Amino acid sequence: MRMNTTLQTTIDEHNNDLIPGENEYIGDDGLIHCSICHEPKESRIPEGNICSYLRTHPRQCACERTMLKAEKEQRLSEERQRDISRLRDICFQAPLI
């Protein structure tokens, strides 16, 4: 019984943790929204779902998706340049005669 009470307390704390961070606000729908792109940063879990006791879960807004996409492209570009450099070193390591 104590474990159920502890679990319920943890769930309640999660559901009541609606403190918007920097560049966030709580919209009319009760979800946290981005103050830059105004997209929700949370979505509701439908009733009847196995995780519906959580009520909401985090999601990425357009700003975060754009930023993460740019970071991924930058990382891939850097990896490609490292591979090219490594392969050049392997191919052209012998001195020219």
C-alpha atoms as a PDB file:
ATOM      1  CA  MET A   1       0.000   0.000   0.000  1.00  0.00           C
ATOM      2  CA  ARG A   2       2.833   2.409   0.810  1.00  0.00           C
ATOM      3  CA  MET A   3       4.319   1.906  -2.643  1.00  0.00           C
ATOM      4  CA  ASN A   4       1.038   2.915  -4.294  1.00  0.00           C
ATOM      5  CA  THR A   5       0.932   6.085  -2.169  1.00  0.00           C
ATOM      6  CA  THR A   6       4.530   6.904  -3.109  1.00  0.00           C
ATOM      7  CA  LEU A   7       3.806   6.298  -6.789  1.00  0.00           C
ATOM      8  CA  GLN A   8       0.705   8.471  -6.663  1.00  0.00           C
ATOM      9  CA  THR A   9       2.667  11.246  -4.930  1.00  0.00           C
ATOM     10  CA  THR A  10       5.332  11.100  -7.651  1.00  0.00           C
ATOM     11  CA  ILE A  11       2.697  11.223 -10.396  1.00  0.00           C
ATOM     12  CA  ASP A  12       0.946  14.166  -8.730  1.00  0.00           C
ATOM     13  CA  GLU A  13       4.255  16.033  -8.449  1.00  0.00           C
ATOM     14  CA  HIS A  14       4.930  15.433 -12.162  1.00  0.00           C
ATOM     15  CA  ASN A  15       1.463  16.633 -13.151  1.00  0.00           C
ATOM     16  CA  ASN A  16       1.694  19.732 -10.962  1.00  0.00           C
ATOM     17  CA  ASP A  17       5.141  20.696 -12.278  1.00  0.00           C
ATOM     18  CA  LEU A  18       3.789  23.326 -14.673  1.00  0.00           C
ATOM     19  CA  ILE A  19       6.393  25.967 -14.030  1.00  0.00           C
ATOM     20  CA  PRO A  20       7.324  27.485 -17.384  1.00  0.00           C
ATOM     21  CA  GLY A  21      11.005  28.055 -17.981  1.00  0.00           C
ATOM     22  CA  GLU A  22      12.731  30.829 -19.863  1.00  0.00           C
ATOM     23  CA  ASN A  23      10.947  31.629 -23.161  1.00  0.00           C
ATOM     24  CA  GLU A  24       7.898  29.591 -22.123  1.00  0.00           C
ATOM     25  CA  TYR A  25       4.375  30.349 -20.964  1.00  0.00           C
ATOM     26  CA  ILE A  26       1.238  28.424 -20.059  1.00  0.00           C
ATOM     27  CA  GLY A  27      -1.324  28.710 -22.860  1.00  0.00           C
ATOM     28  CA  ASP A  28      -5.090  28.806 -22.661  1.00  0.00           C
ATOM     29  CA  ASP A  29      -5.143  25.025 -23.071  1.00  0.00           C
ATOM     30  CA  GLY A  30      -3.091  24.589 -19.876  1.00  0.00           C
ATOM     31  CA  LEU A  31      -0.004  23.348 -21.722  1.00  0.00           C
ATOM     32  CA  ILE A  32       3.427  24.929 -21.738  1.00  0.00           C
ATOM     33  CA  HIS A  33       4.083  26.829 -24.987  1.00  0.00           C
ATOM     34  CA  CYS A  34       7.211  28.355 -26.531  1.00  0.00           C
ATOM     35  CA  SER A  35       7.126  32.148 -26.413  1.00  0.00           C
ATOM     36  CA  ILE A  36       9.136  32.383 -29.656  1.00  0.00           C
ATOM     37  CA  CYS A  37       7.243  30.087 -32.071  1.00  0.00           C
ATOM     38  CA  HIS A  38       4.105  29.727 -29.875  1.00  0.00           C
ATOM     39  CA  GLU A  39       3.921  25.953 -30.421  1.00  0.00           C
ATOM     40  CA  PRO A  40       3.085  23.720 -27.451  1.00  0.00           C
ATOM     41  CA  LYS A  41       6.051  22.136 -25.680  1.00  0.00           C
ATOM     42  CA  GLU A  42       3.771  19.498 -24.164  1.00  0.00           C
ATOM     43  CA  SER A  43       0.980  17.315 -25.449  1.00  0.00           C
ATOM     44  CA  ARG A  44      -1.830  15.550 -23.698  1.00  0.00           C
ATOM     45  CA  ILE A  45      -1.953  11.781 -23.375  1.00  0.00           C
ATOM     46  CA  PRO A  46      -5.407  10.503 -24.393  1.00  0.00           C
ATOM     47  CA  GLU A  47      -7.601   8.993 -21.692  1.00  0.00           C
ATOM     48  CA  GLY A  48      -7.588   5.205 -21.707  1.00  0.00           C
ATOM     49  CA  ASN A  49      -3.916   5.067 -22.728  1.00  0.00           C
ATOM     50  CA  ILE A  50      -1.676   2.981 -20.470  1.00  0.00           C
ATOM     51  CA  CYS A  51       0.285   6.148 -19.577  1.00  0.00           C
ATOM     52  CA  SER A  52      -2.742   8.427 -19.212  1.00  0.00           C
ATOM     53  CA  TYR A  53      -2.009   8.860 -15.504  1.00  0.00           C
ATOM     54  CA  LEU A  54       0.801  11.227 -16.534  1.00  0.00           C
ATOM     55  CA  ARG A  55      -1.680  13.458 -18.433  1.00  0.00           C
ATOM     56  CA  THR A  56       1.029  15.279 -20.453  1.00  0.00           C
ATOM     57  CA  HIS A  57       4.403  14.529 -21.966  1.00  0.00           C
ATOM     58  CA  PRO A  58       7.099  16.815 -23.388  1.00  0.00           C
ATOM     59  CA  ARG A  59       7.438  17.500 -27.111  1.00  0.00           C
ATOM     60  CA  GLN A  60       9.686  19.664 -29.245  1.00  0.00           C
ATOM     61  CA  CYS A  61       8.495  22.994 -30.543  1.00  0.00           C
ATOM     62  CA  ALA A  62       9.498  24.301 -33.994  1.00  0.00           C
ATOM     63  CA  CYS A  63      12.444  26.241 -32.516  1.00  0.00           C
ATOM     64  CA  GLU A  64      13.895  23.138 -30.877  1.00  0.00           C
ATOM     65  CA  ARG A  65      13.366  21.009 -33.999  1.00  0.00           C
ATOM     66  CA  THR A  66      15.141  23.609 -36.163  1.00  0.00           C
ATOM     67  CA  MET A  67      18.014  23.950 -33.695  1.00  0.00           C
ATOM     68  CA  LEU A  68      18.455  20.172 -33.351  1.00  0.00           C
ATOM     69  CA  LYS A  69      18.359  19.727 -37.131  1.00  0.00           C
ATOM     70  CA  ALA A  70      21.072  22.380 -37.586  1.00  0.00           C
ATOM     71  CA  GLU A  71      23.212  20.758 -34.857  1.00  0.00           C
ATOM     72  CA  LYS A  72      22.822  17.345 -36.495  1.00  0.00           C
ATOM     73  CA  GLU A  73      23.790  18.716 -39.916  1.00  0.00           C
ATOM     74  CA  GLN A  74      26.826  20.448 -38.391  1.00  0.00           C
ATOM     75  CA  ARG A  75      27.881  17.267 -36.590  1.00  0.00           C
ATOM     76  CA  LEU A  76      27.503  15.188 -39.773  1.00  0.00           C
ATOM     77  CA  SER A  77      29.503  17.740 -41.752  1.00  0.00           C
ATOM     78  CA  GLU A  78      32.310  17.678 -39.171  1.00  0.00           C
ATOM     79  CA  GLU A  79      32.336  13.858 -39.186  1.00  0.00           C
ATOM     80  CA  ARG A  80      32.518  13.842 -42.986  1.00  0.00           C
ATOM     81  CA  GLN A  81      35.438  16.300 -42.963  1.00  0.00           C
ATOM     82  CA  ARG A  82      37.260  14.133 -40.395  1.00  0.00           C
ATOM     83  CA  ASP A  83      36.701  11.050 -42.557  1.00  0.00           C
ATOM     84  CA  ILE A  84      37.975  12.853 -45.651  1.00  0.00           C
ATOM     85  CA  SER A  85      41.043  14.067 -43.785  1.00  0.00           C
ATOM     86  CA  ARG A  86      41.747  10.599 -42.387  1.00  0.00           C
ATOM     87  CA  LEU A  87      41.374   8.969 -45.799  1.00  0.00           C
ATOM     88  CA  ARG A  88      43.664  11.567 -47.416  1.00  0.00           C
ATOM     89  CA  ASP A  89      46.291  10.881 -44.769  1.00  0.00           C
ATOM     90  CA  ILE A  90      46.048   7.140 -45.447  1.00  0.00           C
ATOM     91  CA  CYS A  91      46.165   7.486 -49.237  1.00  0.00           C
ATOM     92  CA  PHE A  92      48.880  10.112 -49.489  1.00  0.00           C
ATOM     93  CA  GLN A  93      51.149   9.199 -46.613  1.00  0.00           C
ATOM     94  CA  ALA A  94      53.991   7.965 -48.835  1.00  0.00           C
ATOM     95  CA  PRO A  95      56.330  10.766 -49.934  1.00  0.00           C
ATOM     96  CA  LEU A  96      56.388  11.586 -53.609  1.00  0.00           C
ATOM     97  CA  ILE A  97      59.427  10.331 -55.489  1.00  0.00           C
END
